[in-house]
Every structure is written in structure tokens, then in C-alpha cells.
PDB file of N, CA and C in Angstrom:
ATOM      1  N   UNK A   1       1.275  -1.124   0.284  1.00  0.00           N
ATOM      2  CA  UNK A   1       0.094   0.387   0.340  1.00  0.00           C
ATOM      3  C   UNK A   1       0.854   1.081  -0.420  1.00  0.00           C
ATOM      4  N   UNK A   2       0.569   2.295  -0.711  1.00  0.00           N
ATOM      5  CA  UNK A   2       1.329   3.822  -0.969  1.00  0.00           C
ATOM      6  C   UNK A   2       1.060   4.591   0.420  1.00  0.00           C
ATOM      7  N   UNK A   3       2.611   4.641   1.064  1.00  0.00           N
ATOM      8  CA  UNK A   3       2.047   5.659   1.829  1.00  0.00           C
ATOM      9  C   UNK A   3       1.443   6.708   1.709  1.00  0.00           C
ATOM     10  N   UNK A   4       0.807   7.468   3.025  1.00  0.00           N
ATOM     11  CA  UNK A   4      -0.152   8.621   2.787  1.00  0.00           C
ATOM     12  C   UNK A   4       0.163   9.842   3.741  1.00  0.00           C
ATOM     13  N   UNK A   5       0.764  10.834   2.996  1.00  0.00           N
ATOM     14  CA  UNK A   5       1.786  11.491   3.670  1.00  0.00           C
ATOM     15  C   UNK A   5       0.721  13.259   3.659  1.00  0.00           C
ATOM     16  N   UNK A   6      -0.204  13.353   2.512  1.00  0.00           N
ATOM     17  CA  UNK A   6      -1.107  14.354   2.538  1.00  0.00           C
ATOM     18  C   UNK A   6      -2.230  14.272   1.675  1.00  0.00           C
ATOM     19  N   UNK A   7      -3.351  14.894   2.388  1.00  0.00           N
ATOM     20  CA  UNK A   7      -4.522  14.735   1.942  1.00  0.00           C
ATOM     21  C   UNK A   7      -5.122  13.303   2.039  1.00  0.00           C
ATOM     22  N   UNK A   8      -6.018  12.941   1.044  1.00  0.00           N
ATOM     23  CA  UNK A   8      -6.953  12.017   1.099  1.00  0.00           C
ATOM     24  C   UNK A   8      -6.685  10.968   0.288  1.00  0.00           C
ATOM     25  N   UNK A   9      -6.746   9.446   0.457  1.00  0.00           N
ATOM     26  CA  UNK A   9      -6.269   8.643  -0.634  1.00  0.00           C
ATOM     27  C   UNK A   9      -7.433   8.426  -1.366  1.00  0.00           C
ATOM     28  N   UNK A  10      -7.197   8.638  -2.833  1.00  0.00           N
ATOM     29  CA  UNK A  10      -8.705   7.825  -3.485  1.00  0.00           C
ATOM     30  C   UNK A  10      -8.603   7.008  -4.032  1.00  0.00           C
ATOM     31  N   UNK A  11      -7.417   6.187  -4.834  1.00  0.00           N
ATOM     32  CA  UNK A  11      -7.369   5.115  -5.541  1.00  0.00           C
ATOM     33  C   UNK A  11      -6.270   4.499  -4.546  1.00  0.00           C
ATOM     34  N   UNK A  12      -6.604   3.385  -4.548  1.00  0.00           N
ATOM     35  CA  UNK A  12      -5.567   2.400  -3.701  1.00  0.00           C
ATOM     36  C   UNK A  12      -5.606   1.078  -4.551  1.00  0.00           C
ATOM     37  N   UNK A  13      -4.766   1.059  -5.380  1.00  0.00           N
ATOM     38  CA  UNK A  13      -4.411  -0.214  -6.220  1.00  0.00           C
ATOM     39  C   UNK A  13      -3.106  -0.662  -6.749  1.00  0.00           C
ATOM     40  N   UNK A  14      -2.306  -0.469  -5.651  1.00  0.00           N
ATOM     41  CA  UNK A  14      -0.762  -0.730  -5.475  1.00  0.00           C
ATOM     42  C   UNK A  14      -0.471  -2.325  -5.129  1.00  0.00           C
ATOM     43  N   UNK A  15      -0.978  -2.548  -6.291  1.00  0.00           N
ATOM     44  CA  UNK A  15      -0.576  -3.774  -5.951  1.00  0.00           C
ATOM     45  C   UNK A  15       0.256  -4.846  -7.318  1.00  0.00           C
ATOM     46  N   UNK A  16       0.765  -5.498  -7.619  1.00  0.00           N
ATOM     47  CA  UNK A  16       0.919  -6.341  -8.777  1.00  0.00           C
ATOM     48  C   UNK A  16      -0.172  -7.552  -9.415  1.00  0.00           C
ATOM     49  N   UNK A  17      -0.821  -6.807 -10.612  1.00  0.00           N
ATOM     50  CA  UNK A  17      -1.838  -7.609 -11.008  1.00  0.00           C
ATOM     51  C   UNK A  17      -1.830  -7.538 -12.452  1.00  0.00           C
ATOM     52  N   UNK A  18      -2.377  -7.934 -13.208  1.00  0.00           N
ATOM     53  CA  UNK A  18      -2.414  -7.835 -14.824  1.00  0.00           C
ATOM     54  C   UNK A  18      -3.009  -6.408 -15.167  1.00  0.00           C
ATOM     55  N   UNK A  19      -2.673  -6.202 -16.689  1.00  0.00           N
ATOM     56  CA  UNK A  19      -3.464  -4.636 -16.864  1.00  0.00           C
ATOM     57  C   UNK A  19      -4.688  -4.038 -16.571  1.00  0.00           C
ATOM     58  N   UNK A  20      -4.986  -3.008 -16.253  1.00  0.00           N
ATOM     59  CA  UNK A  20      -6.073  -2.954 -15.771  1.00  0.00           C
ATOM     60  C   UNK A  20      -6.136  -1.254 -16.472  1.00  0.00           C
ATOM     61  N   UNK A  21      -7.284  -1.151 -17.464  1.00  0.00           N
ATOM     62  CA  UNK A  21      -7.636  -0.116 -18.276  1.00  0.00           C
ATOM     63  C   UNK A  21      -8.610   1.085 -17.505  1.00  0.00           C
ATOM     64  N   UNK A  22      -8.875   0.797 -16.262  1.00  0.00           N
ATOM     65  CA  UNK A  22      -9.773   2.197 -15.476  1.00  0.00           C
ATOM     66  C   UNK A  22      -9.633   1.431 -14.160  1.00  0.00           C
ATOM     67  N   UNK A  23      -8.925   2.316 -13.429  1.00  0.00           N
ATOM     68  CA  UNK A  23      -8.926   2.800 -11.699  1.00  0.00           C
ATOM     69  C   UNK A  23      -9.652   3.669 -11.660  1.00  0.00           C
ATOM     70  N   UNK A  24     -10.623   3.560 -11.101  1.00  0.00           N
ATOM     71  CA  UNK A  24     -11.449   4.882 -10.892  1.00  0.00           C
ATOM     72  C   UNK A  24     -11.656   5.484  -9.387  1.00  0.00           C
ATOM     73  N   UNK A  25     -11.683   6.846  -9.002  1.00  0.00           N
ATOM     74  CA  UNK A  25     -11.710   7.908  -7.976  1.00  0.00           C
ATOM     75  C   UNK A  25     -12.508   8.454  -8.182  1.00  0.00           C
ATOM     76  N   UNK A  26     -13.265   9.414  -7.575  1.00  0.00           N
ATOM     77  CA  UNK A  26     -14.043  10.520  -6.845  1.00  0.00           C
ATOM     78  C   UNK A  26     -13.592  11.226  -5.863  1.00  0.00           C
ATOM     79  N   UNK A  27     -13.787  12.805  -6.316  1.00  0.00           N
ATOM     80  CA  UNK A  27     -13.350  13.794  -5.271  1.00  0.00           C
ATOM     81  C   UNK A  27     -14.256  14.536  -5.970  1.00  0.00           C
ATOM     82  N   UNK A  28     -15.060  15.180  -5.117  1.00  0.00           N
ATOM     83  CA  UNK A  28     -15.558  16.861  -5.406  1.00  0.00           C
ATOM     84  C   UNK A  28     -15.221  17.783  -4.684  1.00  0.00           C
ATOM     85  N   UNK A  29     -14.861  18.718  -6.410  1.00  0.00           N
ATOM     86  CA  UNK A  29     -13.996  20.366  -6.299  1.00  0.00           C
ATOM     87  C   UNK A  29     -14.930  21.246  -6.540  1.00  0.00           C
ATOM     88  N   UNK A  30     -13.981  22.138  -5.678  1.00  0.00           N
ATOM     89  CA  UNK A  30     -14.873  23.277  -5.751  1.00  0.00           C
ATOM     90  C   UNK A  30     -14.442  24.545  -6.859  1.00  0.00           C
ATOM     91  N   UNK A  31     -15.039  25.016  -7.567  1.00  0.00           N
ATOM     92  CA  UNK A  31     -15.193  25.851  -8.760  1.00  0.00           C
ATOM     93  C   UNK A  31     -13.260  26.852  -8.121  1.00  0.00           C
ATOM     94  N   UNK A  32     -12.516  27.634  -9.163  1.00  0.00           N
ATOM     95  CA  UNK A  32     -11.403  28.194  -8.700  1.00  0.00           C
ATOM     96  C   UNK A  32     -10.954  27.920  -7.579  1.00  0.00           C
ATOM     97  N   UNK A  33     -10.815  26.856  -6.996  1.00  0.00           N
ATOM     98  CA  UNK A  33      -9.868  26.863  -6.148  1.00  0.00           C
ATOM     99  C   UNK A  33      -8.898  25.757  -6.854  1.00  0.00           C
ATOM    100  N   UNK A  34      -7.614  25.232  -5.997  1.00  0.00           N
ATOM    101  CA  UNK A  34      -6.224  24.256  -6.524  1.00  0.00           C
ATOM    102  C   UNK A  34      -6.731  23.288  -5.831  1.00  0.00           C
ATOM    103  N   UNK A  35      -5.898  22.487  -6.154  1.00  0.00           N
ATOM    104  CA  UNK A  35      -5.574  20.913  -5.631  1.00  0.00           C
ATOM    105  C   UNK A  35      -4.446  20.646  -5.515  1.00  0.00           C
ATOM    106  N   UNK A  36      -4.185  20.096  -4.646  1.00  0.00           N
ATOM    107  CA  UNK A  36      -2.606  19.209  -4.406  1.00  0.00           C
ATOM    108  C   UNK A  36      -2.671  17.716  -4.937  1.00  0.00           C
ATOM    109  N   UNK A  37      -2.346  17.337  -6.219  1.00  0.00           N
ATOM    110  CA  UNK A  37      -2.559  15.858  -6.546  1.00  0.00           C
ATOM    111  C   UNK A  37      -1.381  15.006  -6.657  1.00  0.00           C
ATOM    112  N   UNK A  38      -1.556  13.997  -5.970  1.00  0.00           N
ATOM    113  CA  UNK A  38      -0.109  13.320  -5.865  1.00  0.00           C
ATOM    114  C   UNK A  38      -0.434  11.550  -6.670  1.00  0.00           C
ATOM    115  N   UNK A  39       0.523  11.549  -7.656  1.00  0.00           N
ATOM    116  CA  UNK A  39       0.171  10.139  -8.557  1.00  0.00           C
ATOM    117  C   UNK A  39       1.104   9.367  -8.408  1.00  0.00           C
ATOM    118  N   UNK A  40       0.919   7.866  -7.694  1.00  0.00           N
ATOM    119  CA  UNK A  40       2.259   7.370  -7.547  1.00  0.00           C
ATOM    120  C   UNK A  40       1.635   5.998  -8.113  1.00  0.00           C
ATOM    121  N   UNK A  41       3.135   5.069  -9.157  1.00  0.00           N
ATOM    122  CA  UNK A  41       2.376   4.090  -9.730  1.00  0.00           C
ATOM    123  C   UNK A  41       3.745   3.446  -9.590  1.00  0.00           C
ATOM    124  N   UNK A  42       3.974   2.012 -10.332  1.00  0.00           N
ATOM    125  CA  UNK A  42       4.994   1.335 -10.609  1.00  0.00           C
ATOM    126  C   UNK A  42       4.669   0.482 -11.531  1.00  0.00           C
ATOM    127  N   UNK A  43       5.508  -0.116 -12.449  1.00  0.00           N
ATOM    128  CA  UNK A  43       5.456  -1.215 -13.436  1.00  0.00           C
ATOM    129  C   UNK A  43       6.516  -2.124 -13.455  1.00  0.00           C
ATOM    130  N   UNK A  44       5.606  -2.849 -13.753  1.00  0.00           N
ATOM    131  CA  UNK A  44       6.456  -4.351 -13.519  1.00  0.00           C
ATOM    132  C   UNK A  44       6.889  -4.865 -15.484  1.00  0.00           C
ATOM    133  N   UNK A  45       6.381  -4.131 -16.469  1.00  0.00           N
ATOM    134  CA  UNK A  45       6.560  -4.892 -17.704  1.00  0.00           C
ATOM    135  C   UNK A  45       7.369  -3.458 -18.293  1.00  0.00           C
ATOM    136  N   UNK A  46       7.139  -2.445 -18.396  1.00  0.00           N
ATOM    137  CA  UNK A  46       7.698  -1.479 -18.685  1.00  0.00           C
ATOM    138  C   UNK A  46       6.530  -0.897 -19.816  1.00  0.00           C
ATOM    139  N   UNK A  47       5.297  -1.204 -19.776  1.00  0.00           N
ATOM    140  CA  UNK A  47       4.195  -0.988 -20.840  1.00  0.00           C
ATOM    141  C   UNK A  47       3.476   0.392 -20.085  1.00  0.00           C
ATOM    142  N   UNK A  48       3.786   0.186 -18.857  1.00  0.00           N
ATOM    143  CA  UNK A  48       2.526   1.322 -17.871  1.00  0.00           C
ATOM    144  C   UNK A  48       2.695   2.864 -18.682  1.00  0.00           C
ATOM    145  N   UNK A  49       1.033   3.232 -18.569  1.00  0.00           N
ATOM    146  CA  UNK A  49       0.663   4.502 -18.938  1.00  0.00           C
ATOM    147  C   UNK A  49      -0.150   4.961 -17.599  1.00  0.00           C
ATOM    148  N   UNK A  50      -0.330   6.109 -17.527  1.00  0.00           N
ATOM    149  CA  UNK A  50      -0.897   7.164 -16.450  1.00  0.00           C
ATOM    150  C   UNK A  50      -1.435   7.878 -16.628  1.00  0.00           C
ATOM    151  N   UNK A  51      -2.783   8.271 -16.763  1.00  0.00           N
ATOM    152  CA  UNK A  51      -3.481   8.968 -17.374  1.00  0.00           C
ATOM    153  C   UNK A  51      -4.395   9.912 -16.231  1.00  0.00           C
ATOM    154  N   UNK A  52      -4.878  10.889 -16.174  1.00  0.00           N
ATOM    155  CA  UNK A  52      -5.673  11.935 -14.974  1.00  0.00           C
ATOM    156  C   UNK A  52      -6.917  12.168 -15.955  1.00  0.00           C
ATOM    157  N   UNK A  53      -7.994  11.933 -15.370  1.00  0.00           N
ATOM    158  CA  UNK A  53      -9.015  12.386 -16.216  1.00  0.00           C
ATOM    159  C   UNK A  53     -10.060  13.034 -15.343  1.00  0.00           C
ATOM    160  N   UNK A  54     -11.027  13.921 -15.738  1.00  0.00           N
ATOM    161  CA  UNK A  54     -12.116  15.039 -15.006  1.00  0.00           C
ATOM    162  C   UNK A  54     -13.210  14.360 -15.430  1.00  0.00           C
ATOM    163  N   UNK A  55     -14.353  14.868 -15.320  1.00  0.00           N
ATOM    164  CA  UNK A  55     -15.569  15.277 -15.602  1.00  0.00           C
ATOM    165  C   UNK A  55     -16.384  16.149 -14.815  1.00  0.00           C
ATOM    166  N   UNK A  56     -16.247  17.199 -15.944  1.00  0.00           N
ATOM    167  CA  UNK A  56     -17.359  18.717 -15.214  1.00  0.00           C
ATOM    168  C   UNK A  56     -18.466  18.451 -14.948  1.00  0.00           C
ATOM    169  N   UNK A  57     -19.423  18.910 -14.304  1.00  0.00           N
ATOM    170  CA  UNK A  57     -20.845  19.145 -13.885  1.00  0.00           C
ATOM    171  C   UNK A  57     -21.742  19.237 -15.409  1.00  0.00           C
ATOM    172  N   UNK A  58     -21.233  19.321 -15.935  1.00  0.00           N
ATOM    173  CA  UNK A  58     -21.634  19.925 -17.519  1.00  0.00           C
ATOM    174  C   UNK A  58     -21.733  19.022 -18.262  1.00  0.00           C
ATOM    175  N   UNK A  59     -20.656  17.788 -18.153  1.00  0.00           N
ATOM    176  CA  UNK A  59     -20.526  16.653 -19.256  1.00  0.00           C
ATOM    177  C   UNK A  59     -21.217  15.398 -18.555  1.00  0.00           C
ATOM    178  N   UNK A  60     -20.841  14.757 -19.845  1.00  0.00           N
ATOM    179  CA  UNK A  60     -21.643  13.545 -19.637  1.00  0.00           C
ATOM    180  C   UNK A  60     -20.618  12.492 -19.292  1.00  0.00           C
ATOM    181  N   UNK A  61     -19.223  12.824 -19.960  1.00  0.00           N
ATOM    182  CA  UNK A  61     -18.072  11.848 -19.705  1.00  0.00           C
ATOM    183  C   UNK A  61     -16.564  12.485 -19.541  1.00  0.00           C
ATOM    184  N   UNK A  62     -15.659  11.641 -18.996  1.00  0.00           N
ATOM    185  CA  UNK A  62     -14.676  11.905 -17.973  1.00  0.00           C
ATOM    186  C   UNK A  62     -13.958  12.572 -19.566  1.00  0.00           C
ATOM    187  N   UNK A  63     -13.069  13.477 -19.259  1.00  0.00           N
ATOM    188  CA  UNK A  63     -11.793  13.903 -20.275  1.00  0.00           C
ATOM    189  C   UNK A  63     -10.462  13.749 -19.776  1.00  0.00           C
ATOM    190  N   UNK A  64      -9.357  13.707 -20.257  1.00  0.00           N
ATOM    191  CA  UNK A  64      -7.731  14.203 -19.756  1.00  0.00           C
ATOM    192  C   UNK A  64      -7.967  15.628 -19.134  1.00  0.00           C
ATOM    193  N   UNK A  65      -7.279  15.540 -18.470  1.00  0.00           N
ATOM    194  CA  UNK A  65      -7.043  17.241 -17.664  1.00  0.00           C
ATOM    195  C   UNK A  65      -6.169  17.886 -18.440  1.00  0.00           C
ATOM    196  N   UNK A  66      -6.735  19.118 -18.912  1.00  0.00           N
ATOM    197  CA  UNK A  66      -6.061  19.782 -19.853  1.00  0.00           C
ATOM    198  C   UNK A  66      -4.771  19.959 -18.944  1.00  0.00           C
ATOM    199  N   UNK A  67      -3.383  20.164 -19.741  1.00  0.00           N
ATOM    200  CA  UNK A  67      -2.404  20.359 -19.551  1.00  0.00           C
ATOM    201  C   UNK A  67      -2.697  22.806 -18.443  1.00  0.00           C
ATOM    202  N   UNK A  68      -3.407  23.074 -19.372  1.00  0.00           N
ATOM    203  CA  UNK A  68      -3.757  24.696 -18.967  1.00  0.00           C
ATOM    204  C   UNK A  68      -4.078  24.757 -17.336  1.00  0.00           C
ATOM    205  N   UNK A  69      -4.742  23.238 -16.600  1.00  0.00           N
ATOM    206  CA  UNK A  69      -5.168  23.178 -15.861  1.00  0.00           C
ATOM    207  C   UNK A  69      -4.418  22.612 -14.669  1.00  0.00           C
ATOM    208  N   UNK A  70      -3.219  22.486 -14.780  1.00  0.00           N
ATOM    209  CA  UNK A  70      -2.288  21.353 -14.131  1.00  0.00           C
ATOM    210  C   UNK A  70      -0.804  22.665 -13.936  1.00  0.00           C
ATOM    211  N   UNK A  71      -0.260  22.947 -13.123  1.00  0.00           N
ATOM    212  CA  UNK A  71       0.519  23.452 -11.902  1.00  0.00           C
ATOM    213  C   UNK A  71       1.355  23.109 -11.257  1.00  0.00           C
ATOM    214  N   UNK A  72       2.755  23.824 -11.536  1.00  0.00           N
ATOM    215  CA  UNK A  72       4.013  22.853 -10.722  1.00  0.00           C
ATOM    216  C   UNK A  72       3.944  24.204  -9.304  1.00  0.00           C
ATOM    217  N   UNK A  73       4.468  23.182  -8.206  1.00  0.00           N
ATOM    218  CA  UNK A  73       4.739  23.948  -6.795  1.00  0.00           C
ATOM    219  C   UNK A  73       5.463  24.725  -7.151  1.00  0.00           C
TER     220      UNK A  73
END
């Protein structure tokens, strides 16, 4: 299990397993506030890909979070 240093753990899938295409967690965000996000993963095969998606209230499906909405500390 990954260590939790800050905030709330949303997805806990820290184990060796076959390819997983969708590991989902949900958290409600407030408009115009910045949130700290930490993504941790490991890969035993060398083919892993991680993508961060979100769904806005007016959308029916998820989309990749645009880079214009990501900020470095």
C-alpha cells in the first residue's frame, strides 16, 4: 500500500496484477480553487501509462485534464 503523507487517498490499487484499464476514484472539487494531486505508480512490465481524467458537472463523460489546468508548485 502506498504511504499517505498529505490529504486523502482516493485510489488504492498498489499491487502487482494484470493490465488494468480503469481504476476510478471520485472527489468533489470546488470551482476556482487549486488542489494538490499526487499520483504514484509502479510498473513491472515497462509498458505502463497513467492518465488523469476529470468530469465537469456539464459533461456526460470524462476527459483528460488539460495541461492548462495543471500547475507546478
